[in-house]
Amino acid sequence: MESPRREFAEIRDLLKKHPKGMSVTEVARALGRNKHSTGRYLDSMYASGQVEMRTVGMAKIYSLAHRLPLTSLIGTMRERIMILDADRQIILINEACAAFIGQPADEMTGRDIAYIPARDPAIIDLLATIRDHTTEREEVFEYPVLESGGERTDLHIHIIPSMDDAHREVYVIVMVDITDHVRMVDELKEREQQYRNLVEMADAIILKLDNEGRIIFFNDFAEQFFGYSREEVIGESVIGTIVPPEEMDGRDLRLLIQQICTGADAYRRNENANITKDGRLVWVRWSNRPIRDENGEMIGVLSVGNDISDRKAMEIELTAQKDLLERRVQEIECIHKFSDSIDSRITLPEILSEIVSVIGRCWSKRGTTAVRITHNDEIYESGVPDGLPFVFSHQVIANGVPAGTFEAGFGGRDEDPEYMESKERLLTLFAERIGWTIEWMKGEEELRHARDLSETLIETVDAVIFVLDPEGRITRFNRKAEEMTGYLAAEVIGRNIWDIFFTPEMVEGIRSHITTLTRTKKSARIRAAWIAKDGVRKMIDWSNTAITDERGEVTHIISTGIDATRQVEEEEELRRCRSVLDRFLAGEKKE
């Protein structure tokens, strides 16, 4: 069989010499060809726009087309397009489709779609499937092409029965590559499952409220903590179930819940009394974030809580040490507020302005305080009274190079040297954290669009969270962990936890704990000392949970930590005070 390209060329040359047109019989006679095959070639050329046809009596007269060929219109389209006649033979195919099948377009024109020698068996199956779906009805379906080399292409196929200009049946097949879309959907499903596992396995209270303060989600930990099942609380108001109407000091918690449900920034963090099903009063620190629909309208609140009952009890018991504790509380609150100021949803200048304001307020109750940050020739100040010197100044380093300065001045009080030394250490830490914030914000801009609910949830929890593999290597490390340890996630990911945060004598115990978790597959709580990057020792209360796959094999260990350093210090201080009091009372008795 001669190549169709040669036949088409001979017909075009012949019609150029006869601009008034020729019948099928005349063309076949002039070329010395069979009338039937010549008619099929002319039909294909007509369908592809290369010739025009008019009827004179019973004869069809063909002449060269003077209109833009259909192939020129669709040839450059990215979609894979071909047109079949009533016998399922290809009368038009664009380059994108031909390249996907793996045969030249001219070689496939005029051939039955089921007998095209495609480059891969999977494509041959595709063509057979398309042929089976060419019926009188329009067909739309999705089809995965799994090639022998392992490559997968997902197609959205639209088969449109139609008629050409001569009222002959044709089938227009349009194939759109939706591989990326299918992969994205699969990834979203996988991430959704990961989010669900994280929410249910996280050692923290996680609940959702609607705008009226009714509970619409209640995780496993919340059930265990409060003693209520989901069925008992879903749809019920938090007031009267897990939140009492008032606290012991008379604070109206009904008003607090109403304000939280407005999504106001002032209530993103709050601590309040809660009540369990058996009537126990507990204290919870909540992190609240508004939930919005696709139109940006607020439809509820996501609240993540950590039990701080022990800490509250200790604060009440140590009221007698008010002055000393107030200093420490001010520093801790300053650190918390400093951390809360770092938010990827606002700009770096806004963050630096907020940091200046936060630090300026930290010591304002004890006298005049002034704070100034210089970055990129911009100055951010909390207000500098005349004559108040900056007694503290530290260079801000970002990405290993100077990025500005951090300065602070104090007036109106005399501080003891020990406290000033502690304050300077904290200010030095702030200067380092400001440099880290500048680095982080630059990195955050690049990563902002890649974040998902998983990271949002992890960063919402006001606790250290990291994830280990069964060998003790760190695979996730949240922002609170970075702030507490001084290490960036990039510095610890992939490294064994005992190589970074623990002294040599502690390593064996940590390894044994991880081995026990992977063997028993149960949750466990421990208190352990961590060594931060700057050498500071911190006591952390850990809740560790082993995550298993469908075979029961441990794949990850999720660890949630609360800084207990302050609690340990306060316990020690309480014991010291009690000892002093005991000795004092003993002395009075002797007298």
Protein backbone atom coordinates (compact mmCIF):
# COMPACT_ATOMS: atom_id res chain seq x y z
CA MET A 1 0.00 0.00 0.00
CA GLU A 2 1.36 3.40 -0.97
CA SER A 3 1.76 6.06 1.65
CA PRO A 4 -1.36 8.27 2.12
CA ARG A 5 0.92 11.30 2.05
CA ARG A 6 1.86 10.54 -1.56
CA GLU A 7 -1.80 10.05 -2.53
CA PHE A 8 -2.77 13.36 -0.87
CA ALA A 9 0.07 15.20 -2.63
CA GLU A 10 -0.92 13.84 -6.06
CA ILE A 11 -4.55 14.82 -5.51
CA ARG A 12 -3.56 18.36 -4.41
CA ASP A 13 -1.34 18.78 -7.49
CA LEU A 14 -4.13 17.57 -9.77
CA LEU A 15 -6.73 19.90 -8.24
CA LYS A 16 -4.36 22.86 -8.60
CA LYS A 17 -4.49 22.28 -12.37
CA HIS A 18 -8.30 22.14 -12.31
CA PRO A 19 -9.42 25.08 -10.15
CA LYS A 20 -13.06 24.61 -11.23
CA GLY A 21 -13.05 21.20 -9.54
CA MET A 22 -13.19 17.52 -10.49
CA SER A 23 -15.48 14.61 -9.66
CA VAL A 24 -14.29 11.43 -7.92
CA THR A 25 -14.40 9.59 -11.25
CA GLU A 26 -12.32 12.27 -12.95
CA VAL A 27 -9.70 12.28 -10.22
CA ALA A 28 -9.48 8.45 -10.17
CA ARG A 29 -9.14 8.30 -13.95
CA ALA A 30 -6.49 11.04 -14.04
CA LEU A 31 -4.41 9.31 -11.36
CA GLY A 32 -5.03 5.79 -12.56
CA ARG A 33 -6.46 4.77 -9.19
CA ASN A 34 -9.40 2.82 -7.89
CA LYS A 35 -12.52 5.00 -7.63
CA HIS A 36 -13.43 3.68 -4.16
CA SER A 37 -10.01 4.34 -2.58
CA THR A 38 -9.80 7.73 -4.32
CA GLY A 39 -13.17 8.64 -2.77
CA ARG A 40 -11.91 7.78 0.72
CA TYR A 41 -8.82 9.94 0.24
CA LEU A 42 -10.97 12.84 -0.92
CA ASP A 43 -13.31 12.33 2.08
CA SER A 44 -10.33 12.47 4.46
CA MET A 45 -8.98 15.60 2.78
CA TYR A 46 -12.42 17.17 2.95
CA ALA A 47 -12.77 16.36 6.67
CA SER A 48 -9.35 17.85 7.37
CA GLY A 49 -10.18 21.02 5.44
CA GLN A 50 -7.74 20.47 2.55
CA VAL A 51 -10.47 20.38 -0.15
CA GLU A 52 -13.96 21.77 -0.60
CA MET A 53 -16.92 19.84 -2.03
CA ARG A 54 -20.05 20.90 -3.86
CA THR A 55 -22.84 18.82 -5.36
CA VAL A 56 -23.74 19.09 -9.07
CA GLY A 57 -26.67 16.81 -9.77
CA MET A 58 -25.63 13.36 -8.54
CA ALA A 59 -21.89 14.16 -8.67
CA LYS A 60 -19.64 15.52 -5.95
CA ILE A 61 -17.18 18.09 -7.27
CA TYR A 62 -13.95 18.60 -5.29
CA SER A 63 -11.61 21.59 -5.46
CA LEU A 64 -8.74 22.85 -3.34
CA ALA A 65 -9.96 24.53 -0.15
CA HIS A 66 -9.40 28.23 0.29
CA ARG A 67 -10.40 28.21 3.98
CA LEU A 68 -8.15 27.68 6.98
CA PRO A 69 -7.68 23.88 7.45
CA LEU A 70 -9.09 22.37 10.60
CA THR A 71 -5.68 20.87 11.34
CA SER A 72 -4.22 24.37 11.54
CA LEU A 73 -6.77 25.25 14.18
CA ILE A 74 -6.21 22.26 16.41
CA GLY A 75 -2.69 21.22 15.44
CA THR A 76 -1.02 23.40 18.05
CA MET A 77 -3.52 22.72 20.83
CA ARG A 78 -2.11 21.06 23.96
CA GLU A 79 -5.13 18.78 24.25
CA ARG A 80 -4.87 15.44 22.41
CA ILE A 81 -7.53 15.54 19.68
CA MET A 82 -8.55 13.17 16.92
CA ILE A 83 -11.61 12.77 14.70
CA LEU A 84 -12.99 9.38 13.59
CA ASP A 85 -15.41 8.58 10.79
CA ALA A 86 -18.38 6.24 11.16
CA ASP A 87 -16.09 3.21 10.67
CA ARG A 88 -13.85 4.41 13.52
CA GLN A 89 -11.06 5.29 11.12
CA ILE A 90 -8.91 8.32 11.89
CA ILE A 91 -9.61 11.24 9.56
CA LEU A 92 -7.81 13.89 11.64
CA ILE A 93 -5.31 13.75 14.51
CA ASN A 94 -3.25 16.60 15.99
CA GLU A 95 0.45 16.46 16.77
CA ALA A 96 -0.05 16.25 20.55
CA CYS A 97 -2.20 13.14 20.17
CA ALA A 98 0.09 11.56 17.56
CA ALA A 99 3.13 12.10 19.80
CA PHE A 100 1.34 10.46 22.72
CA ILE A 101 0.39 7.41 20.60
CA GLY A 102 3.90 7.28 19.16
CA GLN A 103 3.11 7.22 15.41
CA PRO A 104 3.28 9.94 12.70
CA ALA A 105 -0.10 11.57 12.11
CA ASP A 106 -0.01 10.87 8.35
CA GLU A 107 0.65 7.16 8.97
CA MET A 108 -2.44 6.90 11.18
CA THR A 109 -4.86 8.87 8.97
CA GLY A 110 -7.35 6.52 7.29
CA ARG A 111 -6.64 3.61 9.63
CA ASP A 112 -9.00 1.96 12.13
CA ILE A 113 -8.25 3.21 15.64
CA ALA A 114 -8.18 -0.37 16.95
CA TYR A 115 -5.29 -1.33 14.63
CA ILE A 116 -2.86 1.50 15.32
CA PRO A 117 0.61 0.15 16.31
CA ALA A 118 1.02 2.39 19.37
CA ARG A 119 4.33 2.65 21.23
CA ASP A 120 3.04 0.88 24.36
CA PRO A 121 0.44 -1.85 25.08
CA ALA A 122 -1.30 0.47 27.55
CA ILE A 123 -1.98 2.98 24.75
CA ILE A 124 -3.28 0.18 22.52
CA ASP A 125 -5.75 -0.65 25.33
CA LEU A 126 -6.67 3.05 25.53
CA LEU A 127 -7.46 3.20 21.79
CA ALA A 128 -9.56 0.04 22.07
CA THR A 129 -11.46 1.56 25.00
CA ILE A 130 -12.10 4.75 23.03
CA ARG A 131 -13.42 2.68 20.10
CA ASP A 132 -15.80 0.82 22.45
CA HIS A 133 -17.13 4.17 23.76
CA THR A 134 -17.87 5.67 20.32
CA THR A 135 -21.64 5.32 20.36
CA GLU A 136 -24.57 7.53 19.51
CA ARG A 137 -24.36 9.10 22.97
CA GLU A 138 -21.81 11.62 24.17
CA GLU A 139 -19.32 9.98 26.52
CA VAL A 140 -17.20 11.56 29.28
CA PHE A 141 -14.89 9.44 31.43
CA GLU A 142 -11.47 9.34 33.06
CA TYR A 143 -8.87 6.76 32.12
CA PRO A 144 -5.44 5.96 33.64
CA VAL A 145 -2.74 4.91 31.17
CA LEU A 146 -0.19 2.72 33.00
CA GLU A 147 2.73 2.26 30.62
CA SER A 148 5.08 -0.72 30.84
CA GLY A 149 7.93 1.59 31.91
CA GLY A 150 5.98 2.57 35.03
CA GLU A 151 4.88 6.04 33.88
CA ARG A 152 1.25 6.90 34.57
CA THR A 153 -0.85 9.41 32.65
CA ASP A 154 -4.41 10.21 33.77
CA LEU A 155 -6.72 11.38 30.98
CA HIS A 156 -10.10 13.10 30.96
CA ILE A 157 -11.70 11.82 27.74
CA HIS A 158 -14.65 13.49 26.00
CA ILE A 159 -16.18 11.68 22.98
CA ILE A 160 -18.59 13.84 21.00
CA PRO A 161 -20.73 12.27 18.22
CA SER A 162 -21.16 14.85 15.45
CA MET A 163 -21.72 15.37 11.72
CA ASP A 164 -19.34 16.87 9.16
CA ASP A 165 -20.37 19.36 6.46
CA ALA A 166 -21.58 16.50 4.27
CA HIS A 167 -23.80 15.21 7.08
CA ARG A 168 -21.64 12.15 7.67
CA GLU A 169 -21.15 10.70 11.14
CA VAL A 170 -17.91 11.62 12.85
CA TYR A 171 -16.60 11.27 16.40
CA VAL A 172 -14.54 14.02 17.99
CA ILE A 173 -12.28 12.71 20.73
CA VAL A 174 -10.66 15.22 23.12
CA MET A 175 -8.18 13.90 25.70
CA VAL A 176 -7.01 16.26 28.46
CA ASP A 177 -4.04 15.34 30.66
CA ILE A 178 -5.21 15.53 34.30
CA THR A 179 -2.24 13.68 35.80
CA ASP A 180 -1.20 16.60 38.00
CA HIS A 181 -4.76 17.08 39.20
CA VAL A 182 -5.17 13.39 40.06
CA ARG A 183 -1.85 13.37 41.90
CA MET A 184 -2.85 16.47 43.82
CA VAL A 185 -6.16 14.86 44.83
CA ASP A 186 -4.34 11.69 45.93
CA GLU A 187 -1.85 13.77 47.93
CA LEU A 188 -4.68 15.72 49.55
CA LYS A 189 -6.38 12.48 50.56
CA GLU A 190 -3.12 11.21 52.05
CA ARG A 191 -2.54 14.49 53.89
CA GLU A 192 -6.11 14.46 55.16
CA GLN A 193 -5.50 11.03 56.66
CA GLN A 194 -2.25 12.27 58.21
CA TYR A 195 -4.08 15.29 59.67
CA ARG A 196 -6.75 13.02 61.11
CA ASN A 197 -4.14 10.74 62.67
CA LEU A 198 -2.24 13.71 64.09
CA VAL A 199 -5.38 15.28 65.57
CA GLU A 200 -6.49 12.04 67.18
CA MET A 201 -3.05 10.99 68.41
CA ALA A 202 -1.81 14.39 69.61
CA ASP A 203 -1.49 14.53 73.40
CA ALA A 204 -3.51 17.74 73.61
CA ILE A 205 -7.16 18.77 73.83
CA ILE A 206 -8.46 19.65 70.36
CA LEU A 207 -12.01 20.85 69.80
CA LYS A 208 -13.99 22.97 67.36
CA LEU A 209 -16.79 25.38 68.25
CA ASP A 210 -19.38 26.99 66.02
CA ASN A 211 -20.07 30.71 66.25
CA GLU A 212 -22.52 30.10 69.09
CA GLY A 213 -20.01 28.23 71.26
CA ARG A 214 -21.44 24.76 70.55
CA ILE A 215 -19.00 21.84 70.30
CA ILE A 216 -18.75 20.39 66.77
CA PHE A 217 -15.53 18.37 67.18
CA PHE A 218 -14.01 16.59 70.20
CA ASN A 219 -10.82 14.52 69.84
CA ASP A 220 -9.84 11.32 71.68
CA PHE A 221 -7.61 13.13 74.17
CA ALA A 222 -10.46 15.53 75.02
CA GLU A 223 -12.70 12.53 75.73
CA GLN A 224 -10.10 11.06 78.09
CA PHE A 225 -9.32 14.39 79.76
CA PHE A 226 -12.88 15.59 80.41
CA GLY A 227 -14.52 12.17 80.77
CA TYR A 228 -17.23 12.91 78.19
CA SER A 229 -17.83 10.85 75.05
CA ARG A 230 -18.29 12.64 71.73
CA GLU A 231 -21.95 11.70 71.67
CA GLU A 232 -22.51 13.48 74.99
CA VAL A 233 -21.03 16.83 73.99
CA ILE A 234 -21.37 17.24 70.19
CA GLY A 235 -23.95 19.95 69.60
CA GLU A 236 -23.87 21.10 73.24
CA SER A 237 -22.58 24.46 74.45
CA VAL A 238 -19.17 24.43 76.14
CA ILE A 239 -20.77 26.43 78.96
CA GLY A 240 -22.25 23.93 81.37
CA THR A 241 -20.34 20.96 79.95
CA ILE A 242 -16.57 21.56 80.07
CA VAL A 243 -16.62 25.26 81.03
CA PRO A 244 -18.33 26.57 84.21
CA PRO A 245 -20.35 29.81 83.90
CA GLU A 246 -17.95 31.60 86.28
CA GLU A 247 -14.49 31.14 87.76
CA MET A 248 -13.85 31.18 91.50
CA ASP A 249 -12.77 34.84 91.32
CA GLY A 250 -16.05 35.79 89.63
CA ARG A 251 -14.78 36.12 86.05
CA ASP A 252 -17.70 35.60 83.63
CA LEU A 253 -16.66 32.71 81.37
CA ARG A 254 -19.84 32.98 79.30
CA LEU A 255 -18.66 36.40 78.12
CA LEU A 256 -15.18 34.98 77.52
CA ILE A 257 -16.56 32.23 75.23
CA GLN A 258 -18.64 34.81 73.33
CA GLN A 259 -15.54 36.93 72.75
CA ILE A 260 -13.47 33.92 71.66
CA CYS A 261 -16.18 33.02 69.13
CA THR A 262 -15.83 36.45 67.50
CA GLY A 263 -12.31 35.51 66.36
CA ALA A 264 -10.79 38.59 67.99
CA ASP A 265 -6.99 38.60 68.12
CA ALA A 266 -7.10 39.42 71.83
CA TYR A 267 -8.45 35.94 72.53
CA ARG A 268 -6.09 33.85 70.42
CA ARG A 269 -4.53 32.71 73.71
CA ASN A 270 -6.36 32.34 76.99
CA GLU A 271 -6.28 30.39 80.22
CA ASN A 272 -9.46 29.58 82.06
CA ALA A 273 -10.99 27.15 84.49
CA ASN A 274 -12.66 24.06 83.05
CA ILE A 275 -14.66 21.29 84.64
CA THR A 276 -14.63 17.54 84.00
CA LYS A 277 -17.65 15.25 83.90
CA ASP A 278 -16.98 14.09 87.48
CA GLY A 279 -16.88 17.70 88.72
CA ARG A 280 -13.11 18.22 89.04
CA LEU A 281 -11.93 21.79 88.41
CA VAL A 282 -9.01 21.88 85.96
CA TRP A 283 -7.10 24.69 84.30
CA VAL A 284 -6.38 24.70 80.56
CA ARG A 285 -4.28 26.99 78.40
CA TRP A 286 -6.07 27.44 75.08
CA SER A 287 -4.82 28.50 71.66
CA ASN A 288 -7.73 29.66 69.50
CA ARG A 289 -7.85 30.23 65.74
CA PRO A 290 -10.88 31.26 63.66
CA ILE A 291 -12.17 28.80 61.04
CA ARG A 292 -13.30 30.49 57.82
CA ASP A 293 -15.20 29.26 54.77
CA GLU A 294 -14.18 29.76 51.14
CA ASN A 295 -15.65 33.28 51.24
CA GLY A 296 -13.57 34.31 54.24
CA GLU A 297 -16.57 34.27 56.59
CA MET A 298 -15.92 32.99 60.10
CA ILE A 299 -17.83 29.74 60.75
CA GLY A 300 -16.22 28.58 63.99
CA VAL A 301 -13.15 28.38 66.21
CA LEU A 302 -10.38 25.76 66.45
CA SER A 303 -9.18 25.48 70.06
CA VAL A 304 -6.15 23.51 71.23
CA GLY A 305 -5.65 23.15 74.97
CA ASN A 306 -2.99 21.93 77.38
CA ASP A 307 -3.59 21.02 81.02
CA ILE A 308 -1.94 23.59 83.31
CA SER A 309 -3.73 22.61 86.51
CA ASP A 310 -0.52 21.73 88.34
CA ARG A 311 1.07 25.01 87.35
CA LYS A 312 -1.94 26.96 88.57
CA ALA A 313 -1.92 25.17 91.91
CA MET A 314 1.75 25.96 92.32
CA GLU A 315 1.18 29.65 91.52
CA ILE A 316 -1.45 29.88 94.24
CA GLU A 317 0.73 28.08 96.77
CA LEU A 318 3.69 30.41 96.11
CA THR A 319 1.84 33.69 96.41
CA ALA A 320 3.99 34.56 99.44
CA GLN A 321 7.00 34.88 97.12
CA LYS A 322 5.20 37.51 95.08
CA ASP A 323 8.03 39.90 94.25
CA LEU A 324 10.46 37.27 93.06
CA LEU A 325 7.80 35.33 91.23
CA GLU A 326 6.44 38.47 89.55
CA ARG A 327 9.85 39.10 88.05
CA ARG A 328 10.03 35.59 86.68
CA VAL A 329 6.43 35.66 85.51
CA GLN A 330 7.11 38.94 83.70
CA GLU A 331 10.05 37.33 81.91
CA ILE A 332 8.06 34.20 81.02
CA GLU A 333 5.12 36.26 79.78
CA CYS A 334 7.55 38.36 77.79
CA ILE A 335 8.92 35.21 76.16
CA HIS A 336 5.40 33.95 75.44
CA LYS A 337 4.32 37.27 73.98
CA PHE A 338 7.56 37.52 72.06
CA SER A 339 6.82 34.11 70.56
CA ASP A 340 3.19 35.03 69.89
CA SER A 341 4.38 38.13 68.02
CA ILE A 342 6.09 35.96 65.42
CA ASP A 343 3.27 35.21 63.02
CA SER A 344 3.76 34.31 59.34
CA ARG A 345 0.51 36.01 58.40
CA ILE A 346 1.88 39.49 59.06
CA THR A 347 4.89 41.29 57.63
CA LEU A 348 8.36 41.49 59.15
CA PRO A 349 8.03 45.24 59.91
CA GLU A 350 4.77 44.50 61.74
CA ILE A 351 6.45 41.71 63.71
CA LEU A 352 9.41 43.92 64.69
CA SER A 353 7.02 46.70 65.76
CA GLU A 354 5.06 44.21 67.85
CA ILE A 355 8.26 42.80 69.41
CA VAL A 356 9.34 46.31 70.41
CA SER A 357 5.94 46.93 71.97
CA VAL A 358 5.87 43.55 73.75
CA ILE A 359 9.36 43.87 75.23
CA GLY A 360 8.69 47.50 76.19
CA ARG A 361 5.66 46.41 78.19
CA CYS A 362 7.51 43.55 79.92
CA TRP A 363 9.18 45.70 82.56
CA SER A 364 7.00 48.83 82.33
CA LYS A 365 5.35 48.07 85.70
CA ARG A 366 8.74 48.37 87.39
CA GLY A 367 9.67 51.68 85.79
CA THR A 368 10.31 53.39 82.50
CA THR A 369 11.40 51.04 79.72
CA ALA A 370 12.54 51.90 76.20
CA VAL A 371 13.27 49.44 73.38
CA ARG A 372 14.70 50.04 69.90
CA ILE A 373 15.37 47.68 66.98
CA THR A 374 17.29 48.81 63.89
CA HIS A 375 16.98 46.73 60.72
CA ASN A 376 17.65 47.69 57.09
CA ASP A 377 18.00 51.37 58.02
CA GLU A 378 14.52 51.25 59.59
CA ILE A 379 14.08 52.06 63.30
CA TYR A 380 11.34 50.53 65.46
CA GLU A 381 10.95 52.16 68.91
CA SER A 382 8.63 51.75 71.88
CA GLY A 383 9.10 55.40 72.85
CA VAL A 384 12.34 56.76 74.28
CA PRO A 385 12.01 59.28 77.19
CA ASP A 386 14.49 62.17 77.14
CA GLY A 387 17.70 61.38 78.97
CA LEU A 388 17.05 57.63 79.28
CA PRO A 389 20.22 55.82 78.14
CA PHE A 390 20.26 52.50 76.37
CA VAL A 391 22.15 50.36 78.89
CA PHE A 392 21.86 47.22 76.77
CA SER A 393 22.90 46.87 73.13
CA HIS A 394 23.37 43.69 71.11
CA GLN A 395 24.03 43.09 67.44
CA VAL A 396 21.33 41.21 65.53
CA ILE A 397 22.74 38.40 63.37
CA ALA A 398 20.68 36.84 60.56
CA ASN A 399 22.02 34.14 58.25
CA GLY A 400 25.46 34.62 59.78
CA VAL A 401 25.78 38.34 58.96
CA PRO A 402 24.93 41.53 60.91
CA ALA A 403 21.34 42.59 60.25
CA GLY A 404 20.85 45.40 62.78
CA THR A 405 20.92 46.14 66.50
CA PHE A 406 18.70 45.55 69.53
CA GLU A 407 18.83 48.11 72.37
CA ALA A 408 17.02 48.53 75.69
CA GLY A 409 17.03 51.11 78.49
CA PHE A 410 15.52 51.10 81.96
CA GLY A 411 14.81 53.78 84.53
CA GLY A 412 13.02 54.37 87.82
CA ARG A 413 14.36 51.43 89.84
CA ASP A 414 17.51 49.87 91.20
CA GLU A 415 17.91 46.23 90.31
CA ASP A 416 20.08 43.76 92.17
CA PRO A 417 23.08 42.52 90.13
CA GLU A 418 21.81 38.94 89.95
CA TYR A 419 18.50 40.02 88.51
CA MET A 420 20.18 42.39 86.04
CA GLU A 421 22.39 39.55 84.88
CA SER A 422 19.31 37.39 84.36
CA LYS A 423 17.60 40.20 82.49
CA GLU A 424 20.62 40.72 80.23
CA ARG A 425 20.66 37.01 79.40
CA LEU A 426 17.01 37.25 78.43
CA LEU A 427 17.62 40.35 76.31
CA THR A 428 20.54 38.60 74.62
CA LEU A 429 18.21 35.72 73.86
CA PHE A 430 15.69 38.18 72.41
CA ALA A 431 18.42 39.65 70.18
CA GLU A 432 19.26 36.16 68.94
CA ARG A 433 15.58 35.39 68.44
CA ILE A 434 15.10 38.63 66.47
CA GLY A 435 17.88 37.50 64.12
CA TRP A 436 16.24 34.11 63.89
CA THR A 437 12.89 35.80 63.19
CA ILE A 438 14.40 37.73 60.27
CA GLU A 439 15.84 34.49 58.88
CA TRP A 440 12.60 32.64 59.49
CA MET A 441 10.39 35.28 57.87
CA LYS A 442 12.49 35.20 54.72
CA GLY A 443 12.22 31.45 54.61
CA GLU A 444 8.54 31.62 55.50
CA GLU A 445 7.80 33.76 52.45
CA GLU A 446 9.16 30.98 50.23
CA LEU A 447 7.31 28.23 52.08
CA ARG A 448 4.04 30.09 52.80
CA HIS A 449 2.05 28.51 49.93
CA ALA A 450 3.28 24.98 50.71
CA ARG A 451 1.92 24.86 54.25
CA ASP A 452 -1.09 22.61 55.14
CA LEU A 453 -3.42 21.96 57.97
CA SER A 454 -0.84 19.67 59.52
CA GLU A 455 1.72 22.45 60.08
CA THR A 456 -1.05 24.86 61.09
CA LEU A 457 -2.14 22.42 63.78
CA ILE A 458 1.41 21.71 64.96
CA GLU A 459 2.28 25.41 65.15
CA THR A 460 -1.04 26.20 66.91
CA VAL A 461 -0.24 23.89 69.82
CA ASP A 462 1.50 25.93 72.51
CA ALA A 463 3.88 23.09 73.30
CA VAL A 464 7.04 21.51 71.96
CA ILE A 465 6.14 18.90 69.35
CA PHE A 466 8.52 16.72 67.42
CA VAL A 467 8.24 13.44 65.56
CA LEU A 468 10.79 10.61 65.66
CA ASP A 469 11.20 7.56 63.46
CA PRO A 470 11.56 4.18 65.27
CA GLU A 471 15.36 4.64 65.32
CA GLY A 472 15.08 7.90 67.26
CA ARG A 473 15.83 10.23 64.33
CA ILE A 474 13.96 13.53 64.25
CA THR A 475 11.60 13.91 61.28
CA ARG A 476 9.51 16.89 62.43
CA PHE A 477 10.41 19.78 64.78
CA ASN A 478 7.90 22.54 65.50
CA ARG A 479 8.49 26.22 66.09
CA LYS A 480 7.99 25.96 69.86
CA ALA A 481 10.78 23.38 69.92
CA GLU A 482 13.02 25.76 67.98
CA GLU A 483 12.27 28.59 70.40
CA MET A 484 12.84 26.49 73.48
CA THR A 485 16.06 24.77 72.33
CA GLY A 486 17.64 27.43 70.13
CA TYR A 487 18.01 24.91 67.32
CA LEU A 488 16.38 25.42 63.93
CA ALA A 489 14.56 22.46 62.44
CA ALA A 490 17.10 22.28 59.64
CA GLU A 491 19.82 21.67 62.24
CA VAL A 492 18.15 18.65 63.83
CA ILE A 493 16.05 16.93 61.13
CA GLY A 494 17.53 13.49 60.41
CA ARG A 495 19.67 13.41 63.56
CA ASN A 496 19.20 11.15 66.58
CA ILE A 497 17.59 13.00 69.45
CA TRP A 498 20.12 11.77 72.03
CA ASP A 499 23.01 13.20 69.98
CA ILE A 500 21.67 16.76 70.41
CA PHE A 501 19.69 17.41 73.58
CA PHE A 502 21.00 15.05 76.23
CA THR A 503 24.19 14.58 78.23
CA PRO A 504 26.11 11.29 77.71
CA GLU A 505 24.87 9.79 80.98
CA MET A 506 21.25 10.35 79.89
CA VAL A 507 21.57 8.73 76.43
CA GLU A 508 21.04 5.12 77.51
CA GLY A 509 17.85 5.99 79.40
CA ILE A 510 16.40 7.86 76.41
CA ARG A 511 17.25 5.01 74.04
CA SER A 512 15.63 2.55 76.44
CA HIS A 513 12.48 4.71 76.64
CA ILE A 514 12.18 4.84 72.82
CA THR A 515 12.75 1.08 72.59
CA THR A 516 10.00 0.50 75.16
CA LEU A 517 7.60 2.75 73.22
CA THR A 518 8.22 0.88 69.95
CA ARG A 519 7.80 -2.47 71.71
CA THR A 520 4.71 -1.74 73.82
CA LYS A 521 3.15 0.71 71.32
CA LYS A 522 1.59 2.60 74.23
CA SER A 523 1.64 6.22 75.27
CA ALA A 524 4.01 7.20 78.05
CA ARG A 525 4.88 10.28 80.09
CA ILE A 526 8.33 11.19 81.34
CA ARG A 527 10.09 14.22 82.77
CA ALA A 528 13.55 14.73 81.28
CA ALA A 529 16.16 17.46 81.16
CA TRP A 530 16.97 18.97 77.77
CA ILE A 531 20.14 20.87 76.96
CA ALA A 532 19.40 23.85 74.72
CA LYS A 533 21.82 25.12 72.09
CA ASP A 534 23.07 27.82 74.45
CA GLY A 535 23.78 25.21 77.13
CA VAL A 536 20.78 26.06 79.30
CA ARG A 537 19.22 23.02 80.97
CA LYS A 538 15.42 22.81 80.74
CA MET A 539 13.09 20.36 82.48
CA ILE A 540 10.39 19.13 80.09
CA ASP A 541 7.26 17.08 80.81
CA TRP A 542 6.90 14.76 77.79
CA SER A 543 3.91 12.84 76.51
CA ASN A 544 5.02 10.29 73.93
CA THR A 545 2.76 8.28 71.62
CA ALA A 546 3.78 5.52 69.19
CA ILE A 547 2.05 5.65 65.78
CA THR A 548 1.56 2.32 64.00
CA ASP A 549 0.65 1.37 60.44
CA GLU A 550 -2.03 -1.05 59.33
CA ARG A 551 0.31 -3.97 60.14
CA GLY A 552 0.84 -2.76 63.70
CA GLU A 553 4.41 -1.68 63.02
CA VAL A 554 5.57 1.53 64.69
CA THR A 555 6.26 4.19 62.05
CA HIS A 556 6.61 7.33 64.16
CA ILE A 557 6.72 8.55 67.73
CA ILE A 558 4.90 11.83 68.41
CA SER A 559 6.27 13.71 71.40
CA THR A 560 4.52 16.67 73.04
CA GLY A 561 6.43 18.62 75.67
CA ILE A 562 5.55 21.29 78.20
CA ASP A 563 8.33 23.36 79.77
CA ALA A 564 8.36 22.39 83.47
CA THR A 565 11.53 24.34 84.29
CA ARG A 566 9.62 27.04 86.05
CA GLN A 567 7.53 24.50 87.94
CA VAL A 568 10.65 22.64 89.10
CA GLU A 569 12.28 25.91 90.18
CA GLU A 570 9.15 26.94 92.02
CA GLU A 571 8.94 23.56 93.74
CA GLU A 572 12.54 23.93 94.84
CA GLU A 573 11.88 27.49 96.01
CA LEU A 574 8.80 26.31 97.91
CA ARG A 575 10.80 23.61 99.65
CA ARG A 576 13.49 26.18 100.50
CA CYS A 577 10.90 28.58 101.94
CA ARG A 578 9.29 25.82 103.94
CA SER A 579 12.72 24.82 105.28
CA VAL A 580 13.45 28.42 106.32
CA LEU A 581 10.03 28.67 107.93
CA ASP A 582 10.53 25.37 109.78
CA ARG A 583 13.89 26.53 111.12
CA PHE A 584 12.40 29.88 112.12
CA LEU A 585 9.52 28.22 113.96
CA ALA A 586 11.92 25.79 115.59
CA GLY A 587 14.01 28.76 116.81
CA GLU A 588 10.92 30.44 118.31
CA LYS A 589 10.03 27.28 120.19
CA LYS A 590 13.51 27.08 121.74
CA GLU A 591 13.21 30.67 122.96
